[in-house]
Amino acid sequence: MGLQKFNSAASFSMPWFTHEAPTISAAEFSGLAARLREEARARFGRTPRRALLLPPDLTLIHSCFGRWTELLYQQLGAGCDTHVIPTLGQHQPHSEAENRVMFGSVPHARIHAHDWRQGVTRAGTIPARVVSELTGGRADWEIPVELNRPLMEESWDLIVHIGHVVPHEVLGFASHNKNYFIGLGGKESISAAHMASAAVGIENNLGREISPVRACFNWAEEHFLGRLPDVYLLLVLGLGAAGRLETRGVFVGDDLETYLAAARASARHNITRLPQPLAKAVAFMQPDEFRSTWVANKAIYRIRKAMANGGELLVLAPGVERFGEQPEVDAMIRKYGYCGTPKAMAAYRDDPVLHDLGLAAAHLMNGSSEGRFTIRYAAGKLSQKEVESVHFAWADPQAALARYNPSALATGWNTMADGEKIYFVNTPSLGLWTV
C-alpha cells in the first residue's frame, strides 16, 4: 500500500467512543470527560499522575473549548499533576487575564505558552520524496518536524488534545494532529508545511478530509509520535436557532478514524452550500478574538469559494490592529501585501527574509482573491493608508459597522433599507461557504 494509506480517507480502526446530539450540555461533557479518564486508565494501564492538556488558543475564545478544558482539568483531579499548553503555533501568547477568561479556574501557573522559536526540539523530518508523493509533486521539499520541548522531553502519563474540527485552509479540516505539527510546531516546521499547502492551493484544501499536508502529518505521526500516551478529544460545533454555538459531537480516540468521523460530522454541520455565487458578502470578526489580519483573514478563506467573479467581500474587523501575529511576519505583509500567488512566489524565491518565513509567503497567497473579487476591509485600528498598502480596498470602520450592524443582521441573506442585498456571515471561522 506504500504511502497511500496516509492519503486515504478509508480507515480500519475505531474511536474509543463518540457522542452526537443536537446539543451537548456542560454536564454531559463532564460525564464524557470522566469516561475519557477511565478509558485512558484502562488502555494505558495506569491512573494518570501527570497529564498534559492541549486546547486551542485565544482565537477560539467565543467557543466552548476553554470551559471544556476546565472541566477536564477538574475531572483529572487533585491527584494528577495536570498542565495546559494552548496550541498557539506562532500566535501571540495569552496574558494572565486572557487565560482567566478562557480557562476559568485553571491556575495560571499551570498554563504554559508555546514558544515556536526557542521552545522546540527536532523529532525528525518528513523526507522530500514523501512530501512530493503525497502532494502530487507540487511540493518537493522536506518538512522538518520540530515540536514543543516539554511535550517531547518531559514524562507524561496522559496527553489530551482538545480540538475543534472545522473546515480549514491548510489541513482541509482543523485539529487532530495539526495540534502537534502546527499548534506545537517550530518555525521551520510551520513554514515548510504552510508553503506545501499553498503550493497545493487553498481551494484544493478547504473541506477535504485528507489534504496533502495532512497526509504528510499522518506519516509523521506514525513515524515519530507512537510512544506518546495521547488521545484526541475532538469537538464539532454548530449554530443553534438563537445563533449561539452548540456542541454537536464529541469524538474520542487515538486513531485516524476518530478524526475522520469528526470531519464527516463537521461537513454536515459546518459547510453551507449555496445555490449561486455571492455578489456581496459581509463578514463580522469579533474584536476580542481577531486582532490581526493573520487570523481575521479567515473571512477570506472560508467564504472565497462562494464569491462571484467581480463580487465584493466586506470584512468587518473592529479589533484588527496589525497584520501579522509576529513582528517579522507583520513586516513582510507590509512590504509585499496580499499580492497574489505569482508575485508572492517570486518574492519568496528572491527575498531571503521572506524565504526564511515561508508561513508568511503562504499567508500572502491565501489572503489574496487572485484578482477574482474585491476584498474590502473595515479594520478598526488600521489606517486607510495601511489597509490599501496591502492591496485591500478600505472601508471606514465606523460607517461600515453602522450600516451593517452585526446585531441587526441575520445569518444569510439580508436586504438593506435601500434595497442592497447582502449575504451576512457572523464569525466565518466557524464554517465554510461554497457554491
Protein backbone atom coordinates (compact mmCIF):
# COMPACT_ATOMS: atom_id res chain seq x y z
CA MET A 1 0.00 0.00 0.00
CA GLY A 2 3.04 2.27 0.45
CA LEU A 3 2.25 5.90 1.18
CA GLN A 4 -1.35 5.60 0.00
CA LYS A 5 -2.65 4.81 3.49
CA PHE A 6 -1.59 8.25 4.72
CA ASN A 7 -3.57 9.89 1.90
CA SER A 8 -6.70 7.77 2.22
CA ALA A 9 -9.98 8.51 3.97
CA ALA A 10 -10.53 4.75 4.35
CA SER A 11 -9.76 3.62 7.89
CA PHE A 12 -10.00 0.25 9.60
CA SER A 13 -9.54 1.50 13.16
CA MET A 14 -12.19 2.70 15.61
CA PRO A 15 -12.58 5.62 18.03
CA TRP A 16 -12.66 4.94 21.75
CA PHE A 17 -16.16 6.39 21.78
CA THR A 18 -18.30 9.07 20.12
CA HIS A 19 -21.38 11.00 21.14
CA GLU A 20 -23.57 13.15 18.90
CA ALA A 21 -26.68 15.14 19.84
CA PRO A 22 -28.47 18.34 18.79
CA THR A 23 -26.69 19.98 21.73
CA ILE A 24 -24.34 18.60 24.39
CA SER A 25 -24.51 20.31 27.78
CA ALA A 26 -21.68 21.04 30.19
CA ALA A 27 -22.99 18.32 32.49
CA GLU A 28 -23.00 15.79 29.66
CA PHE A 29 -19.49 16.85 28.65
CA SER A 30 -18.27 16.42 32.22
CA GLY A 31 -19.56 12.85 32.10
CA LEU A 32 -17.80 12.26 28.77
CA ALA A 33 -14.58 13.69 30.25
CA ALA A 34 -14.87 11.22 33.12
CA ARG A 35 -15.37 8.42 30.60
CA LEU A 36 -12.23 9.54 28.74
CA ARG A 37 -10.29 9.42 32.01
CA GLU A 38 -11.45 5.86 32.73
CA GLU A 39 -10.83 4.69 29.15
CA ALA A 40 -7.31 6.11 29.30
CA ARG A 41 -6.68 4.35 32.60
CA ALA A 42 -7.79 1.03 31.09
CA ARG A 43 -5.95 1.44 27.77
CA PHE A 44 -2.67 2.81 29.14
CA GLY A 45 -2.73 0.53 32.19
CA ARG A 46 -2.27 3.21 34.84
CA THR A 47 -4.00 6.04 36.64
CA PRO A 48 -2.63 9.27 35.19
CA ARG A 49 -0.45 11.07 37.72
CA ARG A 50 0.92 13.64 35.28
CA ALA A 51 -1.21 14.88 32.40
CA LEU A 52 -0.90 17.44 29.62
CA LEU A 53 -3.94 19.16 28.10
CA LEU A 54 -3.53 20.74 24.66
CA PRO A 55 -6.51 23.03 23.93
CA PRO A 56 -6.96 25.68 21.22
CA ASP A 57 -5.73 29.21 21.86
CA LEU A 58 -7.49 32.54 22.31
CA THR A 59 -8.67 32.62 18.70
CA LEU A 60 -11.46 30.28 19.85
CA ILE A 61 -12.34 32.21 22.99
CA HIS A 62 -16.01 32.50 22.00
CA SER A 63 -16.45 28.75 21.69
CA CYS A 64 -16.64 26.19 24.48
CA PHE A 65 -13.05 24.97 24.45
CA GLY A 66 -11.82 26.92 27.43
CA ARG A 67 -14.75 25.69 29.52
CA TRP A 68 -14.32 22.11 28.33
CA THR A 69 -10.60 22.29 29.19
CA GLU A 70 -11.51 23.48 32.67
CA LEU A 71 -13.97 20.58 33.11
CA LEU A 72 -11.37 18.04 32.01
CA TYR A 73 -8.81 19.60 34.36
CA GLN A 74 -11.30 19.18 37.19
CA GLN A 75 -12.08 15.58 36.21
CA LEU A 76 -8.39 14.63 36.41
CA GLY A 77 -8.49 15.85 40.00
CA ALA A 78 -6.03 16.96 42.65
CA GLY A 79 -4.17 13.65 42.47
CA CYS A 80 -2.99 14.39 38.95
CA ASP A 81 -0.26 16.92 38.19
CA THR A 82 -2.03 18.49 35.19
CA HIS A 83 -0.57 21.14 32.89
CA VAL A 84 -2.04 23.06 29.96
CA ILE A 85 -0.27 24.25 26.80
CA PRO A 86 -2.57 26.15 24.40
CA THR A 87 -1.68 25.19 20.82
CA LEU A 88 -0.58 28.67 19.81
CA GLY A 89 1.53 27.87 16.77
CA GLN A 90 3.05 31.26 16.08
CA HIS A 91 0.14 33.23 17.58
CA GLN A 92 0.66 35.68 20.42
CA PRO A 93 0.85 34.13 23.92
CA HIS A 94 -2.05 34.73 26.30
CA SER A 95 -1.93 37.19 29.15
CA GLU A 96 -2.91 36.03 32.64
CA ALA A 97 -6.22 37.87 32.26
CA GLU A 98 -6.92 36.14 28.92
CA ASN A 99 -6.14 32.75 30.45
CA ARG A 100 -8.59 33.51 33.26
CA VAL A 101 -11.33 34.42 30.79
CA MET A 102 -10.72 31.37 28.62
CA PHE A 103 -9.83 28.65 31.15
CA GLY A 104 -11.67 29.82 34.24
CA SER A 105 -10.41 28.19 37.43
CA VAL A 106 -7.36 26.50 35.87
CA PRO A 107 -4.40 28.09 37.74
CA HIS A 108 -2.35 30.45 35.60
CA ALA A 109 0.84 28.77 36.83
CA ARG A 110 -0.36 25.55 35.17
CA ILE A 111 -0.83 27.19 31.76
CA HIS A 112 2.34 27.44 29.68
CA ALA A 113 2.97 29.40 26.48
CA HIS A 114 4.34 27.54 23.47
CA ASP A 115 7.50 29.17 22.11
CA TRP A 116 7.70 28.39 18.40
CA ARG A 117 11.27 29.72 18.10
CA GLN A 118 13.23 28.65 21.18
CA GLY A 119 10.95 26.12 22.84
CA VAL A 120 11.06 23.26 20.32
CA THR A 121 13.16 20.18 19.63
CA ARG A 122 13.69 18.26 16.38
CA ALA A 123 11.78 14.97 16.38
CA GLY A 124 12.61 14.06 12.79
CA THR A 125 12.00 15.04 9.18
CA ILE A 126 9.34 14.23 6.60
CA PRO A 127 11.59 13.42 3.60
CA ALA A 128 11.24 15.38 0.38
CA ARG A 129 10.33 12.19 -1.52
CA VAL A 130 7.40 11.59 0.86
CA VAL A 131 6.22 15.20 0.61
CA SER A 132 6.48 15.09 -3.18
CA GLU A 133 4.47 11.88 -3.49
CA LEU A 134 1.77 12.93 -1.05
CA THR A 135 1.36 16.39 -2.65
CA GLY A 136 1.35 15.05 -6.20
CA GLY A 137 4.70 16.69 -6.92
CA ARG A 138 3.52 20.19 -6.10
CA ALA A 139 5.88 20.45 -3.12
CA ASP A 140 9.27 18.78 -3.33
CA TRP A 141 11.00 19.86 -0.12
CA GLU A 142 11.38 18.17 3.24
CA ILE A 143 9.30 19.24 6.22
CA PRO A 144 11.25 19.37 9.50
CA VAL A 145 9.34 18.04 12.48
CA GLU A 146 10.02 20.45 15.34
CA LEU A 147 7.82 20.02 18.38
CA ASN A 148 7.28 21.64 21.77
CA ARG A 149 10.12 20.68 24.10
CA PRO A 150 8.07 19.94 27.27
CA LEU A 151 5.74 17.76 25.16
CA MET A 152 8.61 15.67 23.84
CA GLU A 153 11.12 15.72 26.68
CA GLU A 154 9.05 15.57 29.86
CA SER A 155 7.32 12.46 31.18
CA TRP A 156 3.53 12.27 30.77
CA ASP A 157 1.04 9.58 31.70
CA LEU A 158 -1.68 11.13 29.54
CA ILE A 159 -1.78 13.75 26.78
CA VAL A 160 -5.21 15.02 25.69
CA HIS A 161 -5.73 17.08 22.55
CA ILE A 162 -8.89 19.17 22.85
CA GLY A 163 -9.64 20.25 19.30
CA HIS A 164 -12.23 21.95 17.14
CA VAL A 165 -12.84 20.09 13.88
CA VAL A 166 -13.98 22.64 11.31
CA PRO A 167 -13.10 23.27 7.64
CA HIS A 168 -9.56 24.62 7.38
CA GLU A 169 -7.47 26.28 4.69
CA VAL A 170 -4.25 24.28 5.26
CA LEU A 171 -5.36 20.87 6.54
CA GLY A 172 -8.81 20.52 4.94
CA PHE A 173 -10.28 20.31 8.44
CA ALA A 174 -8.65 21.67 11.58
CA SER A 175 -7.44 19.85 14.68
CA HIS A 176 -6.26 16.26 15.22
CA ASN A 177 -2.51 16.07 14.51
CA LYS A 178 -2.49 19.69 13.34
CA ASN A 179 -2.35 20.41 17.10
CA TYR A 180 1.08 18.78 17.13
CA PHE A 181 2.71 19.91 13.91
CA ILE A 182 1.30 23.45 13.68
CA GLY A 183 -0.09 24.26 17.14
CA LEU A 184 3.03 22.99 18.91
CA GLY A 185 5.40 23.22 15.95
CA GLY A 186 8.53 25.26 15.35
CA LYS A 187 9.21 27.95 12.78
CA GLU A 188 10.82 25.63 10.24
CA SER A 189 8.01 23.10 10.50
CA ILE A 190 5.23 25.65 10.25
CA SER A 191 6.87 27.46 7.32
CA ALA A 192 7.57 24.34 5.27
CA ALA A 193 4.07 22.94 5.86
CA HIS A 194 2.32 26.20 5.03
CA MET A 195 4.29 26.58 1.81
CA ALA A 196 3.44 23.00 0.82
CA SER A 197 -0.23 23.74 1.45
CA ALA A 198 -0.05 26.96 -0.58
CA ALA A 199 1.59 25.06 -3.44
CA VAL A 200 -1.37 22.69 -3.46
CA GLY A 201 -3.79 25.67 -3.45
CA ILE A 202 -6.14 26.85 -0.75
CA GLU A 203 -9.30 25.98 -2.67
CA ASN A 204 -7.99 22.44 -3.16
CA ASN A 205 -7.58 22.05 0.61
CA LEU A 206 -10.72 23.56 2.12
CA GLY A 207 -13.18 20.92 3.34
CA ARG A 208 -11.06 17.98 2.18
CA GLU A 209 -10.89 15.14 4.73
CA ILE A 210 -7.28 14.24 3.93
CA SER A 211 -5.47 17.19 2.36
CA PRO A 212 -1.93 16.56 1.06
CA VAL A 213 -0.30 18.27 4.04
CA ARG A 214 -2.48 16.29 6.46
CA ALA A 215 -1.29 13.15 4.70
CA CYS A 216 2.27 14.31 5.43
CA PHE A 217 1.34 14.85 9.08
CA ASN A 218 -0.25 11.38 9.22
CA TRP A 219 3.09 9.96 8.05
CA ALA A 220 4.99 11.97 10.66
CA GLU A 221 2.64 10.98 13.48
CA GLU A 222 3.12 7.29 12.73
CA HIS A 223 6.90 7.58 12.43
CA PHE A 224 7.76 9.97 15.28
CA LEU A 225 4.98 10.10 17.88
CA GLY A 226 3.99 6.49 18.52
CA ARG A 227 5.47 6.48 22.02
CA LEU A 228 3.26 9.30 23.33
CA PRO A 229 0.32 8.30 25.59
CA ASP A 230 -2.08 10.56 23.74
CA VAL A 231 -5.75 10.73 22.91
CA TYR A 232 -7.75 13.15 20.78
CA LEU A 233 -10.87 14.78 22.19
CA LEU A 234 -12.38 16.29 19.06
CA LEU A 235 -15.46 18.51 19.10
CA VAL A 236 -17.83 19.57 16.35
CA LEU A 237 -19.87 22.72 16.91
CA GLY A 238 -22.88 24.23 15.20
CA LEU A 239 -25.01 27.34 15.46
CA GLY A 240 -28.32 26.90 17.23
CA ALA A 241 -31.59 28.60 16.38
CA ALA A 242 -30.70 31.61 18.54
CA GLY A 243 -27.33 31.96 16.83
CA ARG A 244 -25.45 30.53 19.82
CA LEU A 245 -22.68 27.98 19.45
CA GLU A 246 -23.66 24.47 20.49
CA THR A 247 -21.52 21.35 20.84
CA ARG A 248 -22.97 18.78 18.45
CA GLY A 249 -20.42 15.99 18.56
CA VAL A 250 -17.66 14.58 20.78
CA PHE A 251 -15.19 12.14 19.21
CA VAL A 252 -12.58 10.46 21.40
CA GLY A 253 -9.77 8.17 20.28
CA ASP A 254 -6.13 7.82 19.31
CA ASP A 255 -6.52 6.87 15.65
CA LEU A 256 -7.25 8.38 12.25
CA GLU A 257 -10.85 7.20 12.25
CA THR A 258 -11.57 9.43 15.25
CA TYR A 259 -10.58 12.42 13.12
CA LEU A 260 -12.41 11.17 10.03
CA ALA A 261 -15.66 10.66 11.97
CA ALA A 262 -15.38 14.20 13.34
CA ALA A 263 -14.57 15.63 9.90
CA ARG A 264 -17.64 13.97 8.39
CA ALA A 265 -19.79 15.40 11.16
CA SER A 266 -18.24 18.83 10.62
CA ALA A 267 -19.03 18.62 6.91
CA ARG A 268 -22.69 18.07 7.83
CA HIS A 269 -22.84 20.89 10.37
CA ASN A 270 -20.31 23.45 9.14
CA ILE A 271 -20.35 23.52 5.33
CA THR A 272 -23.03 25.73 3.78
CA ARG A 273 -23.70 25.08 0.08
CA LEU A 274 -25.28 27.98 -1.76
CA PRO A 275 -27.28 27.76 -4.98
CA GLN A 276 -25.43 30.65 -6.62
CA PRO A 277 -22.27 32.74 -6.10
CA LEU A 278 -22.41 35.79 -3.85
CA ALA A 279 -22.19 39.25 -5.36
CA LYS A 280 -21.86 40.89 -1.92
CA ALA A 281 -20.88 39.16 1.31
CA VAL A 282 -20.31 40.79 4.71
CA ALA A 283 -18.36 39.02 7.45
CA PHE A 284 -18.05 40.06 11.08
CA MET A 285 -14.96 39.17 13.11
CA GLN A 286 -15.27 39.64 16.90
CA PRO A 287 -12.88 42.33 18.19
CA ASP A 288 -11.59 40.41 21.22
CA GLU A 289 -10.77 37.36 19.10
CA PHE A 290 -9.44 38.76 15.82
CA ARG A 291 -6.72 41.38 16.25
CA SER A 292 -4.61 40.77 13.16
CA THR A 293 -5.36 40.10 9.52
CA TRP A 294 -3.40 36.88 10.04
CA VAL A 295 -6.43 35.47 11.88
CA ALA A 296 -9.20 37.77 10.59
CA ASN A 297 -8.41 36.66 7.03
CA LYS A 298 -10.34 33.50 7.86
CA ALA A 299 -13.23 35.56 6.49
CA ILE A 300 -11.49 35.40 3.10
CA TYR A 301 -10.51 31.75 3.37
CA ARG A 302 -13.90 30.42 4.40
CA ILE A 303 -16.11 32.47 2.05
CA ARG A 304 -13.91 32.68 -1.06
CA LYS A 305 -15.36 29.55 -2.70
CA ALA A 306 -18.81 31.16 -2.57
CA MET A 307 -17.81 34.52 -4.06
CA ALA A 308 -18.89 35.54 -7.55
CA ASN A 309 -16.31 36.77 -10.02
CA GLY A 310 -16.31 40.54 -9.68
CA GLY A 311 -18.11 40.37 -6.32
CA GLU A 312 -17.16 42.04 -3.05
CA LEU A 313 -16.36 40.64 0.38
CA LEU A 314 -16.55 43.22 3.17
CA VAL A 315 -14.70 42.21 6.35
CA LEU A 316 -15.91 44.00 9.48
CA ALA A 317 -12.93 43.69 11.84
CA PRO A 318 -13.15 46.35 14.56
CA GLY A 319 -10.39 44.73 16.65
CA VAL A 320 -7.75 44.41 13.92
CA GLU A 321 -4.68 46.46 14.85
CA ARG A 322 -1.88 44.74 12.93
CA PHE A 323 -1.27 42.41 10.02
CA GLY A 324 0.95 39.63 11.40
CA GLU A 325 0.98 37.86 14.74
CA GLN A 326 4.76 38.27 14.92
CA PRO A 327 6.74 41.46 14.14
CA GLU A 328 8.81 39.88 11.36
CA VAL A 329 5.69 38.42 9.72
CA ASP A 330 3.91 41.76 10.05
CA ALA A 331 6.87 43.42 8.30
CA MET A 332 6.67 41.01 5.35
CA ILE A 333 2.94 41.60 4.94
CA ARG A 334 3.52 45.37 4.99
CA LYS A 335 6.33 45.00 2.46
CA TYR A 336 4.56 42.85 -0.13
CA GLY A 337 0.86 42.92 0.73
CA TYR A 338 -1.66 40.32 -0.36
CA CYS A 339 -0.28 40.41 -3.87
CA GLY A 340 -1.41 37.06 -5.27
CA THR A 341 0.39 33.80 -5.92
CA PRO A 342 2.75 34.71 -8.80
CA LYS A 343 4.19 37.79 -7.06
CA ALA A 344 4.32 36.11 -3.65
CA MET A 345 6.15 33.10 -5.10
CA ALA A 346 8.63 35.39 -6.88
CA ALA A 347 9.26 37.29 -3.64
CA TYR A 348 9.66 34.00 -1.78
CA ARG A 349 12.36 32.94 -4.24
CA ASP A 350 14.18 36.29 -4.30
CA ASP A 351 13.91 37.65 -0.75
CA PRO A 352 15.95 35.64 1.78
CA VAL A 353 13.99 37.09 4.70
CA LEU A 354 10.65 36.03 3.22
CA HIS A 355 12.15 32.69 2.21
CA ASP A 356 13.04 32.13 5.84
CA LEU A 357 9.41 32.87 6.74
CA GLY A 358 7.60 30.53 4.40
CA LEU A 359 4.46 30.76 6.52
CA ALA A 360 4.29 34.48 5.67
CA ALA A 361 4.67 33.82 1.94
CA ALA A 362 1.88 31.25 2.10
CA HIS A 363 -0.28 33.72 4.01
CA LEU A 364 0.21 36.34 1.28
CA MET A 365 -1.15 33.86 -1.25
CA ASN A 366 -4.07 32.64 0.83
CA GLY A 367 -5.15 36.19 1.68
CA SER A 368 -5.47 37.25 -1.96
CA SER A 369 -8.53 36.78 -4.13
CA GLU A 370 -6.12 36.43 -7.08
CA GLY A 371 -7.98 39.31 -8.68
CA ARG A 372 -11.26 37.39 -8.81
CA PHE A 373 -13.26 39.52 -6.34
CA THR A 374 -12.74 42.64 -4.20
CA ILE A 375 -11.71 42.28 -0.57
CA ARG A 376 -12.75 45.37 1.38
CA TYR A 377 -11.51 45.69 4.96
CA ALA A 378 -13.09 47.76 7.73
CA ALA A 379 -10.20 47.36 10.20
CA GLY A 380 -10.88 49.24 13.43
CA LYS A 381 -7.29 50.11 14.30
CA LEU A 382 -5.50 50.35 10.96
CA SER A 383 -5.48 53.46 8.80
CA GLN A 384 -6.82 53.70 5.27
CA LYS A 385 -3.26 54.01 4.02
CA GLU A 386 -2.20 50.83 5.83
CA VAL A 387 -5.15 48.81 4.56
CA GLU A 388 -4.73 49.92 0.97
CA SER A 389 -0.95 49.38 1.09
CA VAL A 390 -1.50 45.60 1.39
CA HIS A 391 -3.82 45.52 -1.67
CA PHE A 392 -7.13 45.50 0.16
CA ALA A 393 -9.87 48.03 -0.52
CA TRP A 394 -10.68 50.19 2.51
CA ALA A 395 -13.96 50.85 4.29
CA ASP A 396 -14.48 53.31 7.11
CA PRO A 397 -14.94 51.08 10.19
CA GLN A 398 -17.50 53.22 11.96
CA ALA A 399 -19.59 53.83 8.86
CA ALA A 400 -19.43 50.16 7.86
CA LEU A 401 -20.49 48.95 11.31
CA ALA A 402 -23.30 51.49 11.41
CA ARG A 403 -24.64 50.37 8.04
CA TYR A 404 -24.05 46.64 8.55
CA ASN A 405 -24.79 46.31 12.26
CA PRO A 406 -23.97 42.69 13.15
CA SER A 407 -26.58 42.60 15.90
CA ALA A 408 -29.27 43.64 13.43
CA LEU A 409 -28.36 41.24 10.63
CA ALA A 410 -29.45 37.64 10.27
CA THR A 411 -27.02 34.97 9.17
CA GLY A 412 -27.64 34.52 5.47
CA TRP A 413 -29.49 36.81 3.10
CA ASN A 414 -30.45 40.34 4.17
CA THR A 415 -31.99 43.23 2.26
CA MET A 416 -30.84 46.64 3.42
CA ALA A 417 -33.19 49.65 3.71
CA ASP A 418 -32.02 50.99 0.34
CA GLY A 419 -32.59 47.64 -1.38
CA GLU A 420 -29.00 46.36 -1.33
CA LYS A 421 -28.90 42.57 -0.96
CA ILE A 422 -26.08 41.06 1.05
CA TYR A 423 -25.14 37.70 2.48
CA PHE A 424 -24.05 38.05 6.11
CA VAL A 425 -21.74 35.66 7.98
CA ASN A 426 -21.10 36.12 11.69
CA THR A 427 -17.69 34.61 12.51
CA PRO A 428 -16.89 32.73 9.29
CA SER A 429 -14.08 30.89 11.09
CA LEU A 430 -16.81 28.51 12.28
CA GLY A 431 -17.52 27.07 8.84
CA LEU A 432 -17.08 27.03 5.07
CA TRP A 433 -19.34 28.57 2.43
CA THR A 434 -19.27 27.25 -1.11
CA VAL A 435 -21.39 27.01 -4.23
